Amino acid sequence: RSISTLPANWRGEADGVFGKGVSFCADLRASACGRFLYATNRGHDSVAVVRVTDVDADGGDGGNAGADADAAPVALEAAQHMRTGGPTPRSCALLALSGGGEGGGSNTFLAVANQDAGADNLKLFSLDAGSGLLPTFGGDKARATVASANCLCWVPDN
C-alpha cells in the first residue's frame, strides 16, 4: 500500500526551500499500537498523520496481490496534516510518558526537529490517544531553539 503524505490540493509554496511544489518525506514513525503513522514533509513543512486500518474480508486479497499471505490487508487513510512551526522538518520521535496524565494515565508526544534557518527549533505536539491526531498544544511554550536540528531519538533514563 502507498499513500501521499501531502494534502491532495497542495501545489507548493512559491519560494519553498526545495523549489515550488517540491516536498520530500524525511522521517516516518509508527505509533506503539500500529494504528497510526507520522511522516515529516520537508517542503510542505508539516507532519502527516496516516490512519492504518484492517480491510474488511470480502473474499479478495484487499488489493494486496503478491503480498505476504500471512500479512493482514490494511488500508491507509490521510487523517491530518499539521504544520510543524518551522521549515524543513527533518526528524520526529514519539515519546510516551506514564503517570503524567489525569488519573495516573499516560501522555504521548511527538517531537519534530525543524532544521533550516528561520526556525532552528524542536516543536512538541501532544497526541490524542484515540484518534492519533495532533491537537494544538502549548504554542511557543512547546518549542525549543536548537541550531540545525536534524535528528531525534529518546535515550532511556536508567
N, C-alpha and C. Protein backbone atom coordinates (compact mmCIF):
# COMPACT_ATOMS: atom_id res chain seq x y z
N ARG A 1 0.83 -1.18 0.00
CA ARG A 1 0.00 0.00 0.00
C ARG A 1 0.88 1.24 0.00
N SER A 2 0.38 2.28 -0.58
CA SER A 2 1.07 3.56 -0.52
C SER A 2 0.04 4.68 -0.47
N ILE A 3 0.48 5.83 0.05
CA ILE A 3 -0.38 7.00 0.16
C ILE A 3 0.53 8.22 0.15
N SER A 4 0.06 9.31 -0.40
CA SER A 4 0.83 10.54 -0.37
C SER A 4 0.79 11.12 1.04
N THR A 5 1.89 11.71 1.46
CA THR A 5 1.92 12.37 2.76
C THR A 5 1.56 13.85 2.64
N LEU A 6 1.22 14.28 1.43
CA LEU A 6 0.86 15.68 1.18
C LEU A 6 -0.65 15.83 1.00
N PRO A 7 -1.20 16.99 1.35
CA PRO A 7 -2.63 17.22 1.09
C PRO A 7 -2.91 17.13 -0.41
N ALA A 8 -4.06 16.63 -0.78
CA ALA A 8 -4.41 16.43 -2.19
C ALA A 8 -4.39 17.73 -2.98
N ASN A 9 -4.71 18.84 -2.34
CA ASN A 9 -4.79 20.12 -3.06
C ASN A 9 -3.52 20.94 -2.98
N TRP A 10 -2.43 20.41 -2.42
CA TRP A 10 -1.20 21.18 -2.27
C TRP A 10 -0.47 21.28 -3.61
N ARG A 11 -0.13 22.49 -3.99
CA ARG A 11 0.60 22.73 -5.24
C ARG A 11 1.97 23.33 -4.98
N GLY A 12 2.29 23.58 -3.74
CA GLY A 12 3.61 24.09 -3.39
C GLY A 12 3.63 25.58 -3.13
N GLU A 13 4.47 25.97 -2.20
CA GLU A 13 4.67 27.38 -1.91
C GLU A 13 5.55 27.99 -2.99
N ALA A 14 5.40 29.29 -3.22
CA ALA A 14 6.14 29.98 -4.28
C ALA A 14 7.65 29.93 -4.05
N ASP A 15 8.08 30.09 -2.81
CA ASP A 15 9.51 30.14 -2.52
C ASP A 15 9.92 29.08 -1.51
N GLY A 16 9.48 27.86 -1.69
CA GLY A 16 9.84 26.79 -0.78
C GLY A 16 11.33 26.51 -0.80
N VAL A 17 11.83 25.87 0.24
CA VAL A 17 13.25 25.56 0.36
C VAL A 17 13.76 24.78 -0.84
N PHE A 18 12.96 23.86 -1.38
CA PHE A 18 13.40 22.99 -2.47
C PHE A 18 12.84 23.42 -3.83
N GLY A 19 12.12 24.52 -3.87
CA GLY A 19 11.51 24.99 -5.10
C GLY A 19 10.01 24.79 -5.05
N LYS A 20 9.31 25.42 -5.97
CA LYS A 20 7.85 25.38 -5.98
C LYS A 20 7.34 23.96 -6.20
N GLY A 21 6.46 23.53 -5.32
CA GLY A 21 5.80 22.24 -5.47
C GLY A 21 6.66 21.04 -5.11
N VAL A 22 7.82 21.25 -4.50
CA VAL A 22 8.71 20.14 -4.17
C VAL A 22 8.68 19.91 -2.67
N SER A 23 8.49 18.67 -2.29
CA SER A 23 8.50 18.28 -0.88
C SER A 23 9.02 16.86 -0.78
N PHE A 24 9.76 16.58 0.27
CA PHE A 24 10.31 15.26 0.50
C PHE A 24 9.87 14.76 1.87
N CYS A 25 9.57 13.49 1.96
CA CYS A 25 9.29 12.87 3.25
C CYS A 25 10.63 12.49 3.87
N ALA A 26 10.89 12.96 5.09
CA ALA A 26 12.20 12.75 5.69
C ALA A 26 12.20 11.68 6.78
N ASP A 27 11.13 11.53 7.52
CA ASP A 27 11.13 10.59 8.64
C ASP A 27 9.75 9.97 8.76
N LEU A 28 9.71 8.74 9.22
CA LEU A 28 8.46 8.01 9.39
C LEU A 28 8.49 7.27 10.71
N ARG A 29 7.44 7.43 11.50
CA ARG A 29 7.33 6.75 12.80
C ARG A 29 5.96 6.09 12.89
N ALA A 30 5.91 4.94 13.53
CA ALA A 30 4.66 4.22 13.76
C ALA A 30 4.31 4.31 15.24
N SER A 31 3.02 4.50 15.54
CA SER A 31 2.58 4.52 16.93
C SER A 31 2.76 3.12 17.52
N ALA A 32 2.84 3.05 18.84
CA ALA A 32 3.03 1.77 19.52
C ALA A 32 1.91 0.79 19.21
N CYS A 33 0.69 1.29 19.01
CA CYS A 33 -0.44 0.42 18.72
C CYS A 33 -0.47 -0.01 17.26
N GLY A 34 0.31 0.66 16.40
CA GLY A 34 0.37 0.31 14.99
C GLY A 34 -0.78 0.86 14.15
N ARG A 35 -1.65 1.68 14.74
CA ARG A 35 -2.80 2.21 14.02
C ARG A 35 -2.54 3.56 13.34
N PHE A 36 -1.37 4.18 13.63
CA PHE A 36 -1.08 5.49 13.08
C PHE A 36 0.38 5.58 12.63
N LEU A 37 0.59 6.30 11.53
CA LEU A 37 1.93 6.62 11.04
C LEU A 37 2.09 8.13 11.05
N TYR A 38 3.31 8.60 11.36
CA TYR A 38 3.62 10.03 11.38
C TYR A 38 4.81 10.25 10.46
N ALA A 39 4.64 11.12 9.47
CA ALA A 39 5.69 11.37 8.48
C ALA A 39 5.95 12.87 8.36
N THR A 40 7.24 13.26 8.40
CA THR A 40 7.59 14.67 8.23
C THR A 40 7.70 14.98 6.75
N ASN A 41 7.19 16.14 6.36
CA ASN A 41 7.23 16.62 4.97
C ASN A 41 8.13 17.85 4.90
N ARG A 42 9.30 17.70 4.27
CA ARG A 42 10.25 18.81 4.07
C ARG A 42 9.88 19.51 2.77
N GLY A 43 9.43 20.72 2.85
CA GLY A 43 8.93 21.47 1.70
C GLY A 43 7.52 21.93 2.02
N HIS A 44 6.66 21.00 2.38
CA HIS A 44 5.32 21.35 2.86
C HIS A 44 5.40 21.80 4.32
N ASP A 45 6.47 21.41 5.01
CA ASP A 45 6.72 21.79 6.41
C ASP A 45 5.58 21.35 7.32
N SER A 46 5.32 20.06 7.28
CA SER A 46 4.21 19.51 8.06
C SER A 46 4.53 18.10 8.52
N VAL A 47 3.66 17.61 9.40
CA VAL A 47 3.64 16.20 9.77
C VAL A 47 2.33 15.65 9.23
N ALA A 48 2.43 14.56 8.49
CA ALA A 48 1.23 13.87 8.02
C ALA A 48 0.89 12.77 9.00
N VAL A 49 -0.38 12.70 9.37
CA VAL A 49 -0.87 11.61 10.21
C VAL A 49 -1.66 10.68 9.30
N VAL A 50 -1.27 9.41 9.27
CA VAL A 50 -1.92 8.41 8.42
C VAL A 50 -2.54 7.35 9.32
N ARG A 51 -3.82 7.10 9.11
CA ARG A 51 -4.54 6.07 9.88
C ARG A 51 -4.39 4.74 9.15
N VAL A 52 -4.04 3.68 9.88
CA VAL A 52 -3.88 2.34 9.34
C VAL A 52 -5.02 1.48 9.87
N THR A 53 -5.82 0.93 8.97
CA THR A 53 -6.96 0.10 9.39
C THR A 53 -6.96 -1.22 8.65
N ASP A 54 -7.53 -2.23 9.27
CA ASP A 54 -7.69 -3.53 8.63
C ASP A 54 -8.74 -3.42 7.54
N VAL A 55 -8.53 -4.13 6.44
CA VAL A 55 -9.50 -4.17 5.36
C VAL A 55 -10.50 -5.27 5.68
N ASP A 56 -11.80 -4.95 5.50
CA ASP A 56 -12.83 -5.95 5.74
C ASP A 56 -12.63 -7.13 4.80
N ALA A 57 -12.78 -8.33 5.33
CA ALA A 57 -12.63 -9.53 4.50
C ALA A 57 -13.81 -9.63 3.54
N ASP A 58 -13.51 -9.64 2.24
CA ASP A 58 -14.57 -9.75 1.24
C ASP A 58 -14.30 -10.91 0.30
N GLY A 59 -13.42 -11.78 0.73
CA GLY A 59 -13.09 -12.93 -0.11
C GLY A 59 -11.96 -12.64 -1.07
N GLY A 60 -11.58 -11.36 -1.19
CA GLY A 60 -10.49 -11.00 -2.09
C GLY A 60 -9.21 -10.83 -1.29
N ASP A 61 -8.20 -10.30 -1.96
CA ASP A 61 -6.93 -10.10 -1.29
C ASP A 61 -6.76 -8.67 -0.78
N GLY A 62 -7.83 -7.88 -0.85
CA GLY A 62 -7.78 -6.50 -0.38
C GLY A 62 -6.84 -5.64 -1.21
N GLY A 63 -6.57 -6.08 -2.43
CA GLY A 63 -5.67 -5.31 -3.29
C GLY A 63 -4.22 -5.60 -3.03
N ASN A 64 -3.93 -6.62 -2.23
CA ASN A 64 -2.55 -6.96 -1.89
C ASN A 64 -2.04 -8.15 -2.70
N ALA A 65 -2.33 -8.19 -3.97
CA ALA A 65 -1.86 -9.29 -4.80
C ALA A 65 -0.35 -9.41 -4.69
N GLY A 66 0.11 -10.60 -4.42
CA GLY A 66 1.53 -10.84 -4.31
C GLY A 66 2.09 -10.51 -2.94
N ALA A 67 1.27 -10.00 -2.03
CA ALA A 67 1.75 -9.68 -0.69
C ALA A 67 1.90 -10.97 0.12
N ASP A 68 2.60 -10.86 1.21
CA ASP A 68 2.80 -11.99 2.11
C ASP A 68 1.44 -12.55 2.52
N ALA A 69 1.24 -13.85 2.33
CA ALA A 69 -0.06 -14.49 2.60
C ALA A 69 -0.46 -14.36 4.07
N ASP A 70 0.51 -14.25 4.97
CA ASP A 70 0.20 -14.14 6.40
C ASP A 70 -0.09 -12.72 6.84
N ALA A 71 0.22 -11.74 6.00
CA ALA A 71 0.01 -10.34 6.35
C ALA A 71 -1.45 -9.96 6.17
N ALA A 72 -2.01 -9.30 7.19
CA ALA A 72 -3.39 -8.84 7.09
C ALA A 72 -3.46 -7.65 6.16
N PRO A 73 -4.44 -7.62 5.23
CA PRO A 73 -4.56 -6.46 4.35
C PRO A 73 -4.95 -5.22 5.16
N VAL A 74 -4.36 -4.09 4.81
CA VAL A 74 -4.64 -2.84 5.51
C VAL A 74 -5.01 -1.75 4.51
N ALA A 75 -5.67 -0.74 5.03
CA ALA A 75 -5.98 0.46 4.26
C ALA A 75 -5.26 1.63 4.93
N LEU A 76 -4.79 2.57 4.13
CA LEU A 76 -4.14 3.78 4.63
C LEU A 76 -5.02 4.97 4.30
N GLU A 77 -5.24 5.83 5.31
CA GLU A 77 -6.10 7.00 5.13
C GLU A 77 -5.41 8.24 5.69
N ALA A 78 -5.34 9.29 4.88
CA ALA A 78 -4.79 10.56 5.36
C ALA A 78 -5.75 11.11 6.42
N ALA A 79 -5.23 11.32 7.62
CA ALA A 79 -6.07 11.79 8.72
C ALA A 79 -5.84 13.26 9.05
N GLN A 80 -4.60 13.75 8.86
CA GLN A 80 -4.29 15.12 9.26
C GLN A 80 -2.96 15.56 8.65
N HIS A 81 -2.84 16.85 8.41
CA HIS A 81 -1.58 17.48 8.05
C HIS A 81 -1.41 18.67 8.99
N MET A 82 -0.42 18.61 9.86
CA MET A 82 -0.19 19.66 10.86
C MET A 82 1.12 20.37 10.54
N ARG A 83 1.07 21.69 10.41
CA ARG A 83 2.28 22.49 10.19
C ARG A 83 3.19 22.34 11.41
N THR A 84 4.51 22.30 11.16
CA THR A 84 5.46 21.99 12.23
C THR A 84 6.04 23.21 12.93
N GLY A 85 5.69 24.40 12.50
CA GLY A 85 6.20 25.59 13.16
C GLY A 85 7.59 25.99 12.70
N GLY A 86 8.02 25.48 11.56
CA GLY A 86 9.33 25.85 11.02
C GLY A 86 9.59 25.14 9.71
N PRO A 87 10.59 25.62 8.97
CA PRO A 87 10.90 24.99 7.70
C PRO A 87 11.74 23.72 7.84
N THR A 88 11.54 22.84 6.92
CA THR A 88 12.34 21.63 6.76
C THR A 88 12.33 20.72 8.00
N PRO A 89 11.16 20.20 8.36
CA PRO A 89 11.13 19.23 9.46
C PRO A 89 11.88 17.97 9.06
N ARG A 90 12.98 17.72 9.70
CA ARG A 90 13.90 16.65 9.32
C ARG A 90 13.58 15.33 10.02
N SER A 91 13.34 15.39 11.31
CA SER A 91 13.20 14.18 12.11
C SER A 91 12.03 14.32 13.06
N CYS A 92 11.48 13.20 13.47
CA CYS A 92 10.45 13.19 14.50
C CYS A 92 10.63 11.97 15.38
N ALA A 93 10.10 12.04 16.58
CA ALA A 93 10.20 10.92 17.52
C ALA A 93 8.99 10.92 18.43
N LEU A 94 8.50 9.72 18.74
CA LEU A 94 7.36 9.55 19.64
C LEU A 94 7.87 9.28 21.05
N LEU A 95 7.20 9.84 22.03
CA LEU A 95 7.57 9.66 23.43
C LEU A 95 6.31 9.45 24.26
N ALA A 96 6.27 8.36 25.01
CA ALA A 96 5.15 8.11 25.92
C ALA A 96 5.64 8.29 27.35
N LEU A 97 4.94 9.13 28.09
CA LEU A 97 5.27 9.37 29.49
C LEU A 97 4.16 8.80 30.34
N SER A 98 4.47 7.85 31.21
CA SER A 98 3.43 7.29 32.06
C SER A 98 3.33 8.06 33.36
N GLY A 99 2.13 8.02 33.93
CA GLY A 99 1.88 8.66 35.20
C GLY A 99 1.65 10.15 35.12
N GLY A 100 1.81 10.75 33.94
CA GLY A 100 1.67 12.19 33.82
C GLY A 100 0.26 12.65 33.54
N GLY A 101 -0.57 11.73 33.08
CA GLY A 101 -1.94 12.11 32.71
C GLY A 101 -2.85 12.19 33.90
N GLU A 102 -4.01 12.75 33.67
CA GLU A 102 -5.01 12.86 34.73
C GLU A 102 -5.39 11.46 35.17
N GLY A 103 -5.39 11.21 36.46
CA GLY A 103 -5.72 9.90 36.99
C GLY A 103 -4.59 8.89 36.85
N GLY A 104 -3.36 9.36 36.61
CA GLY A 104 -2.22 8.46 36.54
C GLY A 104 -2.05 7.79 35.19
N GLY A 105 -2.76 8.24 34.15
CA GLY A 105 -2.63 7.64 32.82
C GLY A 105 -1.32 8.02 32.17
N SER A 106 -1.28 7.92 30.85
CA SER A 106 -0.06 8.29 30.15
C SER A 106 -0.35 9.37 29.12
N ASN A 107 0.69 10.10 28.76
CA ASN A 107 0.62 11.11 27.71
C ASN A 107 1.62 10.72 26.64
N THR A 108 1.25 10.89 25.38
CA THR A 108 2.14 10.60 24.28
C THR A 108 2.37 11.89 23.50
N PHE A 109 3.62 12.10 23.12
CA PHE A 109 4.01 13.31 22.42
C PHE A 109 4.78 12.96 21.16
N LEU A 110 4.74 13.87 20.20
CA LEU A 110 5.56 13.78 19.00
C LEU A 110 6.44 15.01 18.99
N ALA A 111 7.75 14.80 18.97
CA ALA A 111 8.70 15.90 18.85
C ALA A 111 9.17 15.97 17.40
N VAL A 112 9.29 17.18 16.87
CA VAL A 112 9.71 17.39 15.48
C VAL A 112 10.91 18.34 15.47
N ALA A 113 11.96 17.97 14.72
CA ALA A 113 13.15 18.81 14.56
C ALA A 113 13.03 19.58 13.26
N ASN A 114 12.86 20.91 13.35
CA ASN A 114 12.83 21.80 12.18
C ASN A 114 14.25 22.29 11.95
N GLN A 115 14.83 21.90 10.82
CA GLN A 115 16.26 22.06 10.62
C GLN A 115 16.71 23.42 10.12
N ASP A 116 16.01 24.03 9.20
CA ASP A 116 16.57 25.17 8.47
C ASP A 116 16.42 26.51 9.17
N ALA A 117 17.20 27.46 8.66
CA ALA A 117 17.25 28.82 9.20
C ALA A 117 15.86 29.43 9.27
N GLY A 118 15.68 30.25 10.27
CA GLY A 118 14.39 30.89 10.48
C GLY A 118 13.57 30.14 11.51
N ALA A 119 13.94 28.93 11.78
CA ALA A 119 13.25 28.15 12.80
C ALA A 119 14.27 27.57 13.76
N ASP A 120 15.11 26.66 13.26
CA ASP A 120 16.11 26.02 14.12
C ASP A 120 15.49 25.65 15.46
N ASN A 121 14.46 24.80 15.40
CA ASN A 121 13.79 24.50 16.66
C ASN A 121 13.31 23.06 16.74
N LEU A 122 12.96 22.69 17.95
CA LEU A 122 12.24 21.45 18.24
C LEU A 122 10.84 21.88 18.62
N LYS A 123 9.84 21.22 18.08
CA LYS A 123 8.45 21.52 18.39
C LYS A 123 7.83 20.27 18.97
N LEU A 124 7.09 20.42 20.05
CA LEU A 124 6.46 19.30 20.73
C LEU A 124 4.96 19.35 20.52
N PHE A 125 4.39 18.23 20.08
CA PHE A 125 2.95 18.08 19.89
C PHE A 125 2.43 16.99 20.81
N SER A 126 1.26 17.19 21.38
CA SER A 126 0.61 16.11 22.12
C SER A 126 -0.16 15.26 21.12
N LEU A 127 -0.36 14.00 21.44
CA LEU A 127 -1.14 13.11 20.57
C LEU A 127 -2.42 12.74 21.28
N ASP A 128 -3.52 12.75 20.56
CA ASP A 128 -4.78 12.25 21.08
C ASP A 128 -4.74 10.73 20.94
N ALA A 129 -4.78 10.02 22.05
CA ALA A 129 -4.61 8.57 22.03
C ALA A 129 -5.66 7.84 21.21
N GLY A 130 -6.89 8.33 21.21
CA GLY A 130 -7.96 7.66 20.48
C GLY A 130 -7.91 7.89 18.98
N SER A 131 -7.70 9.15 18.57
CA SER A 131 -7.74 9.48 17.15
C SER A 131 -6.37 9.47 16.49
N GLY A 132 -5.29 9.56 17.29
CA GLY A 132 -3.95 9.64 16.75
C GLY A 132 -3.59 11.01 16.22
N LEU A 133 -4.52 11.98 16.31
CA LEU A 133 -4.31 13.31 15.76
C LEU A 133 -3.43 14.16 16.68
N LEU A 134 -2.90 15.25 16.11
CA LEU A 134 -2.03 16.16 16.83
C LEU A 134 -2.80 17.43 17.16
N PRO A 135 -3.45 17.50 18.32
CA PRO A 135 -4.16 18.73 18.66
C PRO A 135 -3.17 19.86 18.91
N THR A 136 -3.63 21.09 18.75
CA THR A 136 -2.78 22.24 19.04
C THR A 136 -2.36 22.14 20.50
N PHE A 137 -1.08 22.35 20.75
CA PHE A 137 -0.55 22.12 22.09
C PHE A 137 0.54 23.13 22.42
N GLY A 138 0.34 23.91 23.45
CA GLY A 138 1.40 24.70 24.04
C GLY A 138 1.91 25.90 23.28
N GLY A 139 1.57 26.06 22.00
CA GLY A 139 2.09 27.19 21.23
C GLY A 139 3.60 27.29 21.32
N ASP A 140 4.11 28.49 21.54
CA ASP A 140 5.55 28.69 21.64
C ASP A 140 6.15 28.09 22.91
N LYS A 141 5.32 27.78 23.90
CA LYS A 141 5.82 27.14 25.12
C LYS A 141 6.30 25.73 24.83
N ALA A 142 5.83 25.15 23.74
CA ALA A 142 6.20 23.77 23.39
C ALA A 142 7.27 23.77 22.31
N ARG A 143 8.15 24.77 22.35
CA ARG A 143 9.20 24.93 21.33
C ARG A 143 10.52 25.24 22.02
N ALA A 144 11.60 24.69 21.49
CA ALA A 144 12.94 24.99 22.00
C ALA A 144 13.84 25.31 20.82
N THR A 145 14.71 26.31 20.99
CA THR A 145 15.64 26.68 19.93
C THR A 145 16.82 25.72 19.92
N VAL A 146 17.07 25.13 18.75
CA VAL A 146 18.19 24.21 18.56
C VAL A 146 18.72 24.45 17.15
N ALA A 147 19.96 24.89 17.02
CA ALA A 147 20.52 25.20 15.71
C ALA A 147 20.64 23.94 14.86
N SER A 148 20.15 24.00 13.63
CA SER A 148 20.23 22.90 12.65
C SER A 148 19.73 21.57 13.21
N ALA A 149 18.62 21.60 13.93
CA ALA A 149 18.06 20.38 14.50
C ALA A 149 17.78 19.38 13.37
N ASN A 150 18.35 18.17 13.45
CA ASN A 150 18.13 17.25 12.35
C ASN A 150 17.98 15.78 12.73
N CYS A 151 18.12 15.42 13.99
CA CYS A 151 17.93 14.01 14.36
C CYS A 151 17.43 13.93 15.80
N LEU A 152 16.37 13.15 16.00
CA LEU A 152 15.81 12.97 17.34
C LEU A 152 15.76 11.49 17.68
N CYS A 153 16.19 11.18 18.89
CA CYS A 153 15.98 9.84 19.43
C CYS A 153 15.93 9.97 20.95
N TRP A 154 15.11 9.15 21.55
CA TRP A 154 14.96 9.20 23.00
C TRP A 154 15.93 8.21 23.63
N VAL A 155 16.59 8.66 24.69
CA VAL A 155 17.53 7.80 25.41
C VAL A 155 16.86 7.46 26.75
N PRO A 156 16.71 6.16 27.04
CA PRO A 156 16.05 5.79 28.31
C PRO A 156 16.89 6.24 29.51
N ASP A 157 16.19 6.66 30.54
CA ASP A 157 16.83 7.07 31.79
C ASP A 157 16.93 5.83 32.67
N ASN A 158 18.13 5.31 32.80
CA ASN A 158 18.31 4.07 33.61
C ASN A 158 18.73 4.42 34.99
